[in-house]
Structure formats: C-alpha cells, structure tokens
Protein backbone atom coordinates (compact mmCIF):
# COMPACT_ATOMS: atom_id res chain seq x y z
CA MET A 1 -0.02 0.09 -0.07
CA VAL A 2 2.95 2.28 0.42
CA ASP A 3 4.72 4.55 -2.00
CA SER A 4 8.04 4.77 -0.19
CA VAL A 5 9.44 3.86 3.34
CA LEU A 6 11.72 5.21 5.96
CA LEU A 7 13.92 3.16 7.20
CA LEU A 8 14.52 3.68 10.92
CA VAL A 9 17.95 2.57 12.35
CA ASP A 10 19.42 2.99 15.72
CA ALA A 11 22.48 5.07 15.91
CA PHE A 12 23.95 2.81 18.39
CA ASP A 13 22.60 -0.74 17.86
CA GLY A 14 22.75 -0.27 13.82
CA PRO A 15 20.73 -2.69 11.61
CA MET A 16 19.00 -5.33 13.39
CA PRO A 17 17.40 -8.85 12.15
CA GLN A 18 14.33 -6.91 11.87
CA THR A 19 15.96 -4.13 9.77
CA ARG A 20 17.06 -6.92 7.24
CA PHE A 21 13.53 -8.54 7.11
CA VAL A 22 11.75 -5.30 6.51
CA LEU A 23 14.31 -3.78 3.98
CA LYS A 24 14.42 -6.79 2.02
CA LYS A 25 10.75 -6.78 1.39
CA SER A 26 10.62 -2.83 0.60
CA LEU A 27 13.52 -3.62 -1.77
CA ASP A 28 11.71 -6.53 -3.44
CA LEU A 29 8.84 -4.21 -3.96
CA GLY A 30 11.09 -1.71 -5.83
CA HIS A 31 10.87 1.07 -3.19
CA HIS A 32 13.56 3.75 -2.60
CA PRO A 33 14.07 3.96 1.01
CA ILE A 34 14.79 7.22 2.82
CA VAL A 35 17.27 5.99 5.65
CA VAL A 36 16.56 7.71 8.98
CA ILE A 37 19.34 7.38 11.73
CA ASN A 38 17.51 7.81 14.98
CA LYS A 39 18.79 8.35 18.60
CA ILE A 40 21.81 10.58 17.69
CA ASP A 41 21.82 11.85 21.15
CA ARG A 42 22.29 8.63 22.74
CA PRO A 43 25.60 7.97 24.66
CA GLY A 44 28.07 6.05 22.28
CA ALA A 45 26.00 6.87 19.25
CA ARG A 46 28.02 6.36 16.02
CA PRO A 47 25.86 7.61 13.05
CA GLU A 48 28.64 7.53 10.35
CA GLN A 49 29.49 3.92 11.14
CA VAL A 50 25.83 2.96 11.11
CA VAL A 51 25.42 4.70 7.75
CA ASP A 52 28.26 2.39 6.50
CA MET A 53 26.70 -0.74 8.05
CA VAL A 54 23.28 0.25 6.54
CA PHE A 55 25.10 0.56 2.85
CA ASP A 56 26.71 -2.94 3.40
CA LEU A 57 23.20 -4.19 4.36
CA PHE A 58 21.76 -2.69 0.85
CA CYS A 59 24.56 -4.29 -1.08
CA GLU A 60 23.94 -7.65 0.72
CA LEU A 61 20.25 -7.64 -0.03
CA LYS A 62 21.33 -6.76 -4.02
CA ALA A 63 19.74 -3.38 -4.01
CA ASP A 64 19.80 -1.61 -7.43
CA GLU A 65 21.91 1.53 -8.30
CA GLN A 66 19.10 4.00 -7.51
CA GLN A 67 18.12 2.23 -4.21
CA LEU A 68 21.80 2.27 -3.15
CA ASP A 69 21.87 6.11 -3.83
CA PHE A 70 19.49 6.52 -0.64
CA PRO A 71 19.09 9.84 1.02
CA ILE A 72 20.13 10.14 4.74
CA ILE A 73 18.40 12.08 7.58
CA TYR A 74 19.66 12.19 11.33
CA THR A 75 16.83 12.63 13.94
CA ASN A 76 16.31 12.78 17.82
CA ALA A 77 12.54 11.73 17.36
CA LYS A 78 11.97 11.78 21.34
CA ALA A 79 12.94 15.53 21.20
CA GLY A 80 11.45 16.01 17.72
CA HIS A 81 14.59 17.14 15.84
CA ALA A 82 15.47 16.38 12.22
CA THR A 83 18.88 17.26 10.43
CA LEU A 84 20.59 16.51 7.29
CA ASP A 85 23.96 16.70 9.16
CA PRO A 86 24.34 15.11 12.71
CA ASN A 87 27.12 17.74 13.82
CA GLU A 88 24.53 20.64 13.12
CA PRO A 89 21.66 21.40 15.77
CA ALA A 90 17.97 21.36 15.01
CA ASP A 91 14.92 22.34 16.78
CA ASN A 92 12.01 20.79 14.55
CA LEU A 93 11.37 17.81 12.10
CA GLU A 94 11.18 20.20 9.21
CA ALA A 95 14.10 18.59 7.29
CA LEU A 96 12.40 15.22 7.56
CA PHE A 97 9.06 16.34 5.85
CA GLN A 98 11.26 18.28 3.32
CA ILE A 99 13.05 15.18 2.38
CA ILE A 100 9.76 13.35 2.16
CA GLY A 101 8.15 15.75 -0.29
CA LYS A 102 11.44 15.80 -2.28
CA GLU A 103 12.14 12.00 -2.53
CA VAL A 104 8.42 10.66 -2.48
CA SER A 105 6.42 10.62 -5.53
CA PRO A 106 2.53 11.09 -5.35
CA PRO A 107 0.42 7.97 -5.87
CA GLN A 108 0.29 6.43 -9.30
CA GLY A 109 -2.97 5.62 -11.08
CA ASP A 110 -5.22 6.56 -13.52
CA LEU A 111 -8.67 8.08 -12.27
CA GLU A 112 -10.42 7.22 -15.51
CA ALA A 113 -9.39 3.59 -15.80
CA PRO A 114 -11.34 0.68 -14.44
CA PHE A 115 -11.48 0.27 -10.85
CA GLN A 116 -8.76 -2.00 -9.12
CA MET A 117 -7.54 -2.57 -5.71
CA LEU A 118 -5.48 -5.24 -4.27
CA VAL A 119 -6.53 -6.74 -0.96
CA THR A 120 -3.46 -6.38 1.33
CA SER A 121 -5.00 -6.85 5.03
CA ILE A 122 -8.05 -8.59 6.22
CA ALA A 123 -10.01 -7.86 9.40
CA TYR A 124 -13.40 -9.11 10.83
CA ASN A 125 -16.13 -7.36 12.74
CA ASP A 126 -19.16 -9.01 14.20
CA TYR A 127 -21.25 -6.58 12.61
CA LEU A 128 -19.94 -5.84 9.36
CA GLY A 129 -18.24 -9.50 8.67
CA ARG A 130 -15.01 -9.49 6.81
CA ILE A 131 -13.34 -6.06 6.05
CA ALA A 132 -10.65 -5.89 3.41
CA THR A 133 -8.06 -3.21 3.22
CA GLY A 134 -5.97 -2.10 0.33
CA LYS A 135 -4.84 0.90 -1.87
CA ILE A 136 -6.79 1.90 -4.94
CA SER A 137 -4.56 1.23 -7.91
CA ASN A 138 -6.87 2.78 -10.49
CA GLY A 139 -10.17 4.27 -11.16
CA ARG A 140 -12.74 5.20 -8.34
CA VAL A 141 -15.36 3.41 -6.29
CA SER A 142 -18.46 4.54 -4.19
CA ALA A 143 -20.49 2.98 -1.34
CA GLY A 144 -23.19 0.72 -2.52
CA GLN A 145 -21.35 0.23 -5.74
CA THR A 146 -21.53 -3.31 -7.37
CA ILE A 147 -17.94 -4.58 -7.90
CA ALA A 148 -16.27 -7.94 -8.87
CA VAL A 149 -13.68 -10.00 -6.95
CA VAL A 150 -10.92 -11.74 -8.99
CA LYS A 151 -9.71 -14.84 -6.96
CA LYS A 152 -6.13 -16.36 -7.08
CA ASP A 153 -7.53 -18.99 -9.51
CA GLY A 154 -9.13 -16.66 -11.81
CA THR A 155 -12.56 -17.14 -10.97
CA ILE A 156 -14.77 -14.02 -10.56
CA SER A 157 -17.75 -13.45 -8.24
CA LYS A 158 -19.78 -10.02 -7.75
CA GLY A 159 -21.12 -8.32 -4.94
CA ARG A 160 -22.34 -5.10 -3.36
CA ILE A 161 -20.45 -2.78 -1.07
CA SER A 162 -22.09 -2.53 2.23
CA LYS A 163 -19.85 -0.21 3.74
CA LEU A 164 -16.85 2.12 2.43
CA ILE A 165 -14.37 3.20 5.25
CA GLY A 166 -11.49 5.67 4.86
CA PHE A 167 -8.84 7.09 7.06
CA GLU A 168 -8.16 10.36 8.86
CA GLY A 169 -4.99 9.96 10.72
CA LEU A 170 -5.27 6.84 12.71
CA GLN A 171 -9.13 6.94 12.78
CA GLN A 172 -11.40 5.13 10.65
CA VAL A 173 -14.09 7.16 9.13
CA GLU A 174 -17.25 6.09 6.75
CA ILE A 175 -17.00 7.73 3.29
CA GLN A 176 -18.94 7.73 0.26
CA GLU A 177 -16.43 7.87 -2.64
CA ALA A 178 -12.53 7.06 -3.02
CA VAL A 179 -10.16 7.43 -5.82
CA ALA A 180 -6.88 6.08 -6.98
CA GLY A 181 -4.31 6.41 -4.29
CA ASP A 182 -6.50 6.15 -1.33
CA ILE A 183 -6.12 3.56 1.22
CA ILE A 184 -9.55 2.14 2.07
CA CYS A 185 -11.41 -0.62 3.60
CA ILE A 186 -14.44 -2.35 2.00
CA ALA A 187 -17.06 -4.51 3.70
CA GLY A 188 -19.78 -6.75 2.25
CA PHE A 189 -17.64 -9.48 1.06
CA GLU A 190 -17.24 -12.77 3.20
CA GLU A 191 -15.21 -14.79 0.52
CA VAL A 192 -12.42 -12.31 -0.37
CA GLY A 193 -8.53 -13.20 0.71
CA ILE A 194 -5.40 -11.53 0.92
CA SER A 195 -3.95 -10.67 -2.68
CA GLU A 196 -7.29 -11.05 -4.34
CA THR A 197 -8.48 -7.98 -6.43
CA PHE A 198 -11.63 -5.93 -6.21
CA ALA A 199 -12.18 -4.73 -9.78
CA ASP A 200 -14.85 -3.07 -11.88
CA ALA A 201 -17.88 -5.16 -12.17
CA GLU A 202 -18.11 -4.77 -15.99
CA GLN A 203 -14.22 -4.96 -16.92
CA PRO A 204 -12.75 -7.09 -14.06
CA ILE A 205 -8.91 -7.00 -14.55
CA ALA A 206 -6.79 -8.78 -11.90
CA LEU A 207 -3.61 -6.94 -10.36
CA PRO A 208 -0.38 -9.23 -9.86
CA TYR A 209 -0.57 -11.77 -6.95
CA VAL A 210 1.67 -11.19 -4.06
CA ALA A 211 2.60 -14.34 -2.47
CA ILE A 212 2.23 -14.70 1.42
CA ASP A 213 4.94 -16.05 3.49
CA GLU A 214 4.05 -19.63 4.40
CA PRO A 215 4.39 -21.17 8.05
CA THR A 216 7.59 -22.64 9.22
CA LEU A 217 6.46 -24.24 12.57
CA SER A 218 3.59 -26.42 13.52
CA MET A 219 2.10 -27.51 17.02
CA ASN A 220 -0.67 -29.69 18.01
CA PHE A 221 -3.55 -28.22 20.04
CA MET A 222 -5.70 -30.73 21.77
CA VAL A 223 -8.42 -30.81 24.43
CA ASN A 224 -7.13 -31.07 27.92
CA ASN A 225 -7.20 -34.58 29.50
CA SER A 226 -5.43 -34.04 32.62
CA PRO A 227 -6.86 -34.82 35.96
CA PHE A 228 -7.59 -31.09 36.40
CA ALA A 229 -9.31 -30.64 33.05
CA GLY A 230 -12.38 -28.44 33.34
CA LYS A 231 -11.58 -27.04 36.67
CA GLU A 232 -10.06 -23.62 35.68
CA GLY A 233 -11.04 -22.97 32.01
CA LYS A 234 -14.44 -21.97 30.78
CA PHE A 235 -13.94 -23.32 27.07
CA VAL A 236 -12.59 -26.83 27.13
CA THR A 237 -14.38 -28.96 24.38
CA SER A 238 -12.91 -29.72 20.88
CA ARG A 239 -16.01 -27.97 19.15
CA ILE A 240 -15.47 -24.67 20.77
CA ILE A 241 -11.61 -25.17 20.39
CA ARG A 242 -12.11 -25.60 16.57
CA GLU A 243 -14.40 -22.60 16.23
CA ARG A 244 -11.96 -20.39 17.95
CA LEU A 245 -9.14 -21.49 15.52
CA GLN A 246 -11.45 -21.01 12.55
CA LYS A 247 -12.29 -17.47 13.77
CA GLU A 248 -8.58 -16.90 14.01
CA LEU A 249 -8.26 -17.88 10.28
CA ARG A 250 -10.53 -15.05 9.17
CA THR A 251 -7.55 -12.49 10.12
CA ASN A 252 -4.57 -14.40 10.80
CA VAL A 253 -3.44 -15.16 7.12
CA SER A 254 -0.34 -16.85 8.07
CA LEU A 255 -2.00 -19.36 9.91
CA ARG A 256 -2.88 -22.95 8.93
CA VAL A 257 -5.27 -25.33 10.79
CA GLU A 258 -5.67 -28.88 9.89
CA ASP A 259 -7.65 -31.70 11.34
CA THR A 260 -5.78 -34.73 12.60
CA GLU A 261 -6.91 -38.66 13.12
CA ASN A 262 -8.05 -37.76 16.48
CA THR A 263 -11.02 -35.70 16.60
CA ASP A 264 -9.64 -33.69 19.74
CA THR A 265 -6.50 -32.72 18.19
CA PHE A 266 -5.80 -29.97 15.73
CA LYS A 267 -2.29 -29.27 13.84
CA VAL A 268 -1.84 -25.45 13.77
CA SER A 269 1.02 -24.14 11.84
CA GLY A 270 2.39 -20.62 12.02
CA ARG A 271 5.32 -18.18 11.09
CA GLY A 272 7.35 -19.11 14.11
CA GLU A 273 7.26 -19.86 17.90
CA LEU A 274 6.26 -16.40 18.86
CA HIS A 275 3.47 -16.37 16.27
CA LEU A 276 1.81 -19.50 17.89
CA SER A 277 2.58 -18.34 21.61
CA ILE A 278 0.57 -15.10 20.97
CA LEU A 279 -2.41 -17.11 19.69
CA ILE A 280 -2.11 -19.39 22.70
CA GLU A 281 -1.84 -16.62 25.09
CA ASN A 282 -4.80 -14.77 23.69
CA MET A 283 -6.99 -18.11 23.85
CA ARG A 284 -5.80 -18.27 27.56
CA ARG A 285 -6.84 -14.89 28.47
CA GLU A 286 -10.25 -15.60 26.74
CA GLY A 287 -11.00 -18.39 29.07
CA PHE A 288 -9.86 -21.59 26.89
CA GLU A 289 -8.28 -24.44 28.31
CA LEU A 290 -6.07 -26.53 26.27
CA ALA A 291 -2.82 -28.70 26.00
CA VAL A 292 0.13 -28.24 23.22
CA SER A 293 2.79 -30.20 22.00
CA LYS A 294 6.42 -29.54 21.36
CA PRO A 295 7.00 -27.06 18.41
CA GLU A 296 8.21 -28.89 15.14
CA VAL A 297 9.62 -27.28 11.98
CA ILE A 298 7.92 -27.74 8.51
CA LEU A 299 10.24 -29.49 6.24
CA ARG A 300 10.04 -28.89 2.52
CA GLU A 301 11.25 -30.70 -0.59
CA ILE A 302 13.08 -28.36 -2.75
CA ASP A 303 14.90 -29.56 -5.99
CA GLY A 304 14.84 -33.20 -4.29
CA VAL A 305 16.57 -32.03 -1.48
CA SER A 306 15.09 -32.10 2.11
CA CYS A 307 15.19 -28.41 3.40
CA GLU A 308 14.33 -26.87 6.67
CA PRO A 309 13.63 -23.24 7.86
CA MET A 310 16.81 -21.10 8.65
CA GLU A 311 16.93 -18.04 10.91
CA PHE A 312 19.33 -15.11 10.74
CA LEU A 313 20.34 -14.77 14.27
CA THR A 314 22.04 -11.45 15.90
CA ILE A 315 23.38 -11.68 19.28
CA ASP A 316 24.83 -8.88 21.23
CA VAL A 317 26.99 -10.38 24.31
CA PRO A 318 29.74 -9.15 26.49
CA GLU A 319 33.38 -10.36 25.43
CA GLU A 320 33.72 -12.69 28.37
CA HIS A 321 30.59 -14.84 27.44
CA GLN A 322 31.16 -14.87 23.76
CA GLY A 323 33.05 -18.16 23.68
CA THR A 324 30.46 -19.98 25.55
CA VAL A 325 27.67 -18.66 23.34
CA ILE A 326 29.58 -19.54 20.08
CA GLU A 327 30.36 -23.01 21.35
CA LYS A 328 26.68 -23.53 22.38
CA LEU A 329 25.53 -22.47 18.82
CA GLY A 330 27.94 -24.66 17.34
CA THR A 331 26.33 -27.66 18.48
CA ARG A 332 22.98 -26.43 17.27
CA LYS A 333 24.26 -26.34 13.76
CA ALA A 334 24.79 -22.49 13.61
CA GLU A 335 27.21 -21.03 11.15
CA MET A 336 28.65 -17.53 11.98
CA VAL A 337 28.73 -14.96 9.27
CA SER A 338 29.87 -11.73 11.09
CA MET A 339 31.64 -10.62 14.36
CA GLN A 340 31.64 -6.78 15.04
CA PRO A 341 32.94 -5.06 18.25
CA MET A 342 30.66 -2.63 19.71
CA ASP A 343 32.01 -0.44 22.80
CA GLY A 344 32.61 -3.38 25.48
CA THR A 345 30.28 -5.94 23.57
CA ASN A 346 30.53 -8.15 20.46
CA ARG A 347 27.83 -8.47 17.85
CA LEU A 348 27.82 -11.98 16.56
CA GLU A 349 25.60 -12.96 13.47
CA PHE A 350 24.77 -16.43 12.70
CA ILE A 351 22.59 -18.50 10.19
CA ILE A 352 20.84 -21.28 12.39
CA PRO A 353 18.23 -23.78 11.72
CA ALA A 354 14.94 -22.79 13.33
CA ARG A 355 15.43 -26.19 15.37
CA GLY A 356 18.37 -25.06 17.00
CA LEU A 357 16.62 -22.13 18.45
CA ILE A 358 13.98 -24.07 20.36
CA GLY A 359 15.06 -24.13 23.78
CA PHE A 360 18.09 -21.84 23.43
CA ARG A 361 16.80 -18.78 24.77
CA THR A 362 16.70 -19.72 28.57
CA GLU A 363 20.11 -21.62 28.13
CA PHE A 364 21.46 -18.17 26.53
CA LEU A 365 20.21 -16.03 29.35
CA THR A 366 21.74 -18.23 32.00
CA ASP A 367 25.14 -18.35 30.03
CA THR A 368 25.25 -14.65 29.79
CA ARG A 369 23.79 -14.00 33.21
CA GLY A 370 21.25 -12.02 31.57
CA THR A 371 23.38 -9.47 29.86
CA GLY A 372 23.17 -10.95 26.42
CA VAL A 373 20.55 -9.77 23.67
CA MET A 374 19.20 -12.13 20.87
CA ASN A 375 17.16 -11.36 17.99
CA HIS A 376 16.24 -13.53 14.88
CA THR A 377 14.01 -13.38 11.73
CA PHE A 378 13.31 -16.12 9.20
CA HIS A 379 16.03 -16.21 6.59
CA GLU A 380 15.31 -18.71 4.09
CA TYR A 381 14.89 -22.53 3.43
CA GLY A 382 18.18 -24.60 3.35
CA PRO A 383 19.45 -28.06 3.37
CA PHE A 384 18.61 -30.23 6.47
CA LYS A 385 21.45 -30.03 8.92
CA GLY A 386 21.04 -33.33 10.77
CA ILE A 387 20.38 -34.25 14.10
CA ILE A 388 20.44 -31.49 16.85
CA PRO A 389 20.95 -32.56 20.61
CA GLY A 390 18.01 -31.93 22.67
CA ARG A 391 17.51 -31.22 26.36
CA LYS A 392 20.31 -33.08 28.37
CA ASN A 393 18.57 -33.33 31.73
CA GLY A 394 15.54 -35.60 32.49
CA VAL A 395 12.69 -34.28 34.72
CA LEU A 396 11.34 -34.83 38.12
CA LEU A 397 7.75 -36.53 37.68
CA ALA A 398 4.94 -36.47 40.69
CA LEU A 399 4.27 -40.07 41.71
CA GLU A 400 0.60 -39.34 42.69
CA ASN A 401 -2.19 -36.78 42.98
CA GLY A 402 -2.11 -34.58 45.97
CA GLU A 403 -0.52 -31.40 47.26
CA THR A 404 3.12 -30.56 47.56
CA VAL A 405 4.67 -30.71 51.12
CA ALA A 406 7.53 -28.50 51.95
CA TYR A 407 9.24 -31.27 53.90
CA SER A 408 9.41 -33.30 50.75
CA LEU A 409 10.35 -30.62 48.35
CA PHE A 410 13.11 -29.74 50.79
CA ASN A 411 14.55 -33.30 50.42
CA LEU A 412 13.94 -33.23 46.67
CA GLN A 413 15.72 -29.79 45.66
CA ASP A 414 19.36 -31.68 45.96
CA ARG A 415 17.94 -33.89 42.96
CA GLY A 416 17.48 -30.85 40.63
CA THR A 417 15.77 -27.56 40.08
CA LEU A 418 12.19 -27.47 41.24
CA PHE A 419 9.21 -25.91 39.08
CA VAL A 420 6.61 -25.79 41.94
CA ASN A 421 6.27 -24.40 45.31
CA SER A 422 4.73 -25.97 48.65
CA GLY A 423 0.90 -26.12 48.73
CA VAL A 424 0.56 -26.70 44.87
CA LYS A 425 -1.71 -29.40 43.50
CA VAL A 426 -0.16 -31.88 41.41
CA TYR A 427 -1.09 -34.99 39.65
CA GLU A 428 0.56 -38.25 38.53
CA GLY A 429 2.97 -37.70 35.44
CA MET A 430 3.05 -33.85 36.09
CA ILE A 431 6.53 -32.25 35.80
CA ILE A 432 7.31 -30.70 38.88
CA GLY A 433 11.19 -30.24 38.24
CA GLU A 434 14.25 -30.86 36.54
CA ASN A 435 16.44 -33.75 37.27
CA ALA A 436 20.18 -33.04 37.63
CA LYS A 437 20.81 -36.14 35.81
CA GLN A 438 19.82 -37.37 32.25
CA ALA A 439 17.11 -39.85 33.16
CA ASP A 440 13.54 -38.93 34.28
CA MET A 441 12.87 -39.71 37.91
CA VAL A 442 9.59 -40.41 39.80
CA VAL A 443 9.34 -38.68 43.12
CA ASN A 444 6.78 -38.13 45.98
CA ALA A 445 6.39 -34.47 46.41
CA CYS A 446 3.13 -35.03 48.75
CA LYS A 447 4.78 -36.96 51.37
CA GLY A 448 4.67 -35.21 55.00
CA LYS A 449 7.17 -35.84 57.61
CA LYS A 450 5.96 -38.67 60.28
CA LEU A 451 5.08 -37.24 63.59
CA SER A 452 5.65 -38.97 66.93
CA ASN A 453 4.50 -38.19 70.45
CA VAL A 454 8.16 -37.43 71.83
CA ARG A 455 9.08 -34.16 70.46
CA ALA A 456 11.60 -31.76 71.87
CA SER A 457 11.64 -27.98 71.09
CA GLY A 458 14.56 -27.11 68.68
CA THR A 459 15.10 -30.84 67.07
CA ASP A 460 13.43 -29.72 63.96
CA GLU A 461 15.53 -27.61 61.54
CA ALA A 462 13.84 -24.80 59.71
CA ILE A 463 12.76 -25.99 56.19
CA ARG A 464 14.24 -23.49 53.54
CA ILE A 465 12.94 -24.13 50.03
CA THR A 466 15.00 -22.76 47.10
CA THR A 467 12.67 -20.43 45.09
CA PRO A 468 11.33 -22.55 42.27
CA ARG A 469 11.85 -21.78 38.47
CA ASN A 470 8.64 -20.20 37.35
CA LEU A 471 8.56 -20.99 33.25
CA SER A 472 6.62 -18.54 30.99
CA LEU A 473 4.59 -19.68 28.19
CA GLU A 474 7.47 -19.43 25.90
CA GLN A 475 9.78 -21.08 27.98
CA ALA A 476 7.42 -23.84 28.67
CA LEU A 477 7.02 -24.49 25.01
CA GLU A 478 10.87 -24.28 24.41
CA TYR A 479 11.60 -26.73 27.37
CA ILE A 480 9.28 -29.76 26.54
CA GLY A 481 10.43 -32.83 24.91
CA ASP A 482 8.68 -34.92 22.30
CA ASP A 483 6.71 -36.95 24.74
CA GLU A 484 5.65 -34.18 26.93
CA LEU A 485 2.80 -31.37 26.74
CA VAL A 486 2.13 -28.06 28.25
CA GLU A 487 -1.36 -27.77 29.91
CA ILE A 488 -2.47 -24.14 29.41
CA THR A 489 -5.56 -22.72 31.54
CA PRO A 490 -6.54 -19.30 32.34
CA THR A 491 -4.70 -19.48 35.63
CA SER A 492 -1.95 -22.00 35.35
CA ILE A 493 0.69 -23.25 33.01
CA ARG A 494 1.73 -26.92 33.77
CA LEU A 495 4.17 -29.25 32.14
CA ARG A 496 3.26 -33.02 32.10
CA LYS A 497 4.15 -36.12 30.25
CA LYS A 498 1.62 -37.11 27.24
CA TYR A 499 1.25 -40.47 29.19
CA LEU A 500 0.53 -39.81 32.73
CA ASP A 501 0.71 -43.43 33.83
CA ALA A 502 4.13 -44.95 34.14
CA ASN A 503 3.15 -48.34 32.64
CA GLU A 504 1.90 -46.24 29.64
CA ARG A 505 5.13 -44.37 29.36
CA LYS A 506 7.35 -47.60 29.15
CA ARG A 507 4.92 -49.03 26.46
CA TYR A 508 5.39 -45.69 24.30
CA GLU A 509 9.24 -45.66 25.07
CA LYS A 510 9.40 -49.14 23.73
CA THR A 511 7.54 -48.70 20.60
CA ARG A 512 9.45 -45.58 19.87
CA GLY A 513 12.83 -47.34 20.47
C-alpha cells in the first residue's frame, strides 16, 4: 500500500534482524527507502559508522544503483529534531518533511481507468463481517456500488459494497467515494482473501498476485485430558476450540489449521514460535483450556533435497561470554557469518536452523547472566542440517495426585531444580522439576514428615526451599520434549508427560525405541 518507506535505524545498535527483514521486503517491491538514523543523542551513538553498516546491508540484499543512492536524515525523535548533518543542531522535524516531499512521488494511478484494488489486509467485525483493506490502484469506487472479486484461481464473483471506510490519521471514518491512491476498507464480501483483486464489475482486471509467507513451525493443539481438566477454564471442548481457531483464520493469514486422525487434536502451523505463542496466550486470556505439544519445524522438498527453515540470528553479548555462546550455537548447527566489536560488547551474526533456537533462549540468558540480547528472523529454507542434540537433563515427575509438601520438596531440591512451590496441587505424571541427571525420575512431593508423640523443642531444622523456577509460556514451549505437553489454563501453565501413567510411558518408549 505504500509509495516509499522510512528505514529507521538506531544510531548505536545499527541494523538489527528485523531491519534486514523489512528492508528486503521493501527492496523486493521496488521502493527507494529514505534512511533515518535515530537516537543520535544517545551516549555511544555512532551515526557515520551505522550509515556504512546500512550501505553494506543494502549491498548484501542486492539493491540496485538507484536504491543504493539513498537519502539520509539524522533524528532525535524523542525531542522532535531532524537534520541532514548530525553535527548541526536542529529544533524541529522540518528537514524530515522536506526530504519526504522531495523524494516520494505522489501515488501513481489513472482516475479514468476501471476500478482496481489489491487486498493487502483482512480484518473481521461481528457486525460488518470480513473487512478488506488496500490501496486503490486505478479508477474510483463508491459506497453501495457493485464490484467484482477476482480470485487467485481466476474465478470472478460479484457483490455490493455494504460500507466504504477511509482514514483520517489513525481514525476510521465512513466515506461515500474514494479514488486512485486512497487507502480504504471495503465491507460486504465474506469470501475475499489476501492478494485477491477488487475490480470493476464490467471490466474485471486482476492485479499481480503477491505471495504470502508460508508457515515454518507447527504444533498440536488438543483438548486438555489431565486430572485437572475443566477446573480452571471456561471453554474446554474440541468444538469450541475448533470454532476459535477457525475464527482466527479469518484475520491471521499466515496461520494454518488442519484436522488430525484424533478429533480432539488440531495441527496448527504458523510463522514461528512467537506467532503461535501469541495465539495461545490470547486464547488463554479468553478463558480457553487446552494442551499443546512441542513445536516442530515444517520441512520442504526443494529440487529433490529435504530443506528446513533457517533463521538469521543476531546476538549482542559481552566479550567474556562470547566463547560460551559460540560453542553452544556450534552444537546447534549454527554458522557464524559476522563478528563486530561494539563498545565493550560484540555483535555476532549466525545462520541457524529454526530447530536450533527451540530451547536456546533460556540457556542463553543463563550463560550470559542476563546480559546478552538476541534477535532472529526467518532467513530462507536451506538443506537439512542433521540431528541437533535436545535437552540433556531428565525431569522430576509427581508420583501421585495431591498437594506438595515443604518437607518433601526440601529433600528433593538436591536432586535438581524445582518448578513448583509447597501447597501446589499436582497429579501423577506432572513435571514438577528438572532432574540433575539425564534420566527422568518419579518422586513423591506430597509425602509429609512422620510425627511422633515425643518431641523436643529445637530438634526440627527450619525448612528452607529454594525459590522454584517459574516458566513463562514461551519458556515452557521451548523446554518440553517430544513425549511431553504444556497444559494451559487461564490461571496455570503446567508441564506434563503425554502419558501420565508410568506403565503407558514404558510402552510408548518401547514402541518409539
């Protein structure tokens, strides 16, 4: 929908993975970005060096000669200052507006040509139904007009615009007419999707199709069947979960939902771990209760070669920790492509399989004592890198249903790291901690101390339990293994084995072996 872009880059941090991602998209579309170096007042700012880094990024992304000749503006956005020279003071943003007016051409389009608009965004409203947003490429359109929808497969259907919506700043306003160059929303068409064309009813001409990024990661969403099922959530059945996922598909265009052989399980695919965890968190806050499996990457066959999604990973880490980080990423099949010193820290850039990042964030924060910063975005599909070692430690499993007791937890904390505190309800097969050794261990966390009728004051030592490790939703999804699930309710996040009974787990391990 845009005619140009401002590429905003921090004067200290320089280009980040997300900078690479959005710049590649804009260059592929033929735009000529205006580079904005922001936060020039920040201590340690290095605007000239950052400009060189941005130029190198343009070259790496194969920008043409016109795109490489990009204009540069230096800003302190917080104070509202913009200047063409970082050494010259400024007291307003006039220089930014002038360069936009000079470099950006007005929208191209023929007002007299037949109406054409490419759908670039989809929203949903309970009263208006599906709402399609896009920029008019040619012609004009009016509220109540009959127009055509040209599908991806070339089929054409016609319908009437029930409401035409325009924009005033960030506000949506109902309008009666719009012309080429306007960004508008059209309601009244339930069967319209991204990259399909709204066109003149008499001369329906399609615009070029824009491909949507395909999912790279999948998870199984299933009905919660733990002993605590239905106690904390409001929506727990497969029918309601299915309806919620189908509703999400109306607006979440990169999401895919497939049925499985089990009617209580749905395979949900998305653009990454964050994409899926946001959906899970939203469902959780809405009152849903469900269980999810470990994320798995989606493999593709390209020219007869099995390929997997690769991520471009950027890490800023103090020098004393970089050796550990490089070593850990090496075991996860990462390839270093760059190392740059940055005022006491080093910036490391890697190409790594998406599988290698599952479970790495928690380990990374521990290794760098919370001082490291990591960012990653999808890079491309590359040849399968082979087996990546998984979690080294086993888990501590609850032996029986009950409530944890401080006395038992005190005796168990030497065996590993606890995930629960005293007074927490647990069930058989629930993960209550991480074992210090490789194998899983079944423990009794509900066993109290035997009392006798002979008791002297001072004979009992004060019981002090180490603060348990509370896993967030993202950490829980990264932590679990192939035979484990995360139970998610509006109030709790629990880790559990897929098979709660010890005998069933043994049978599963035999069949898997």
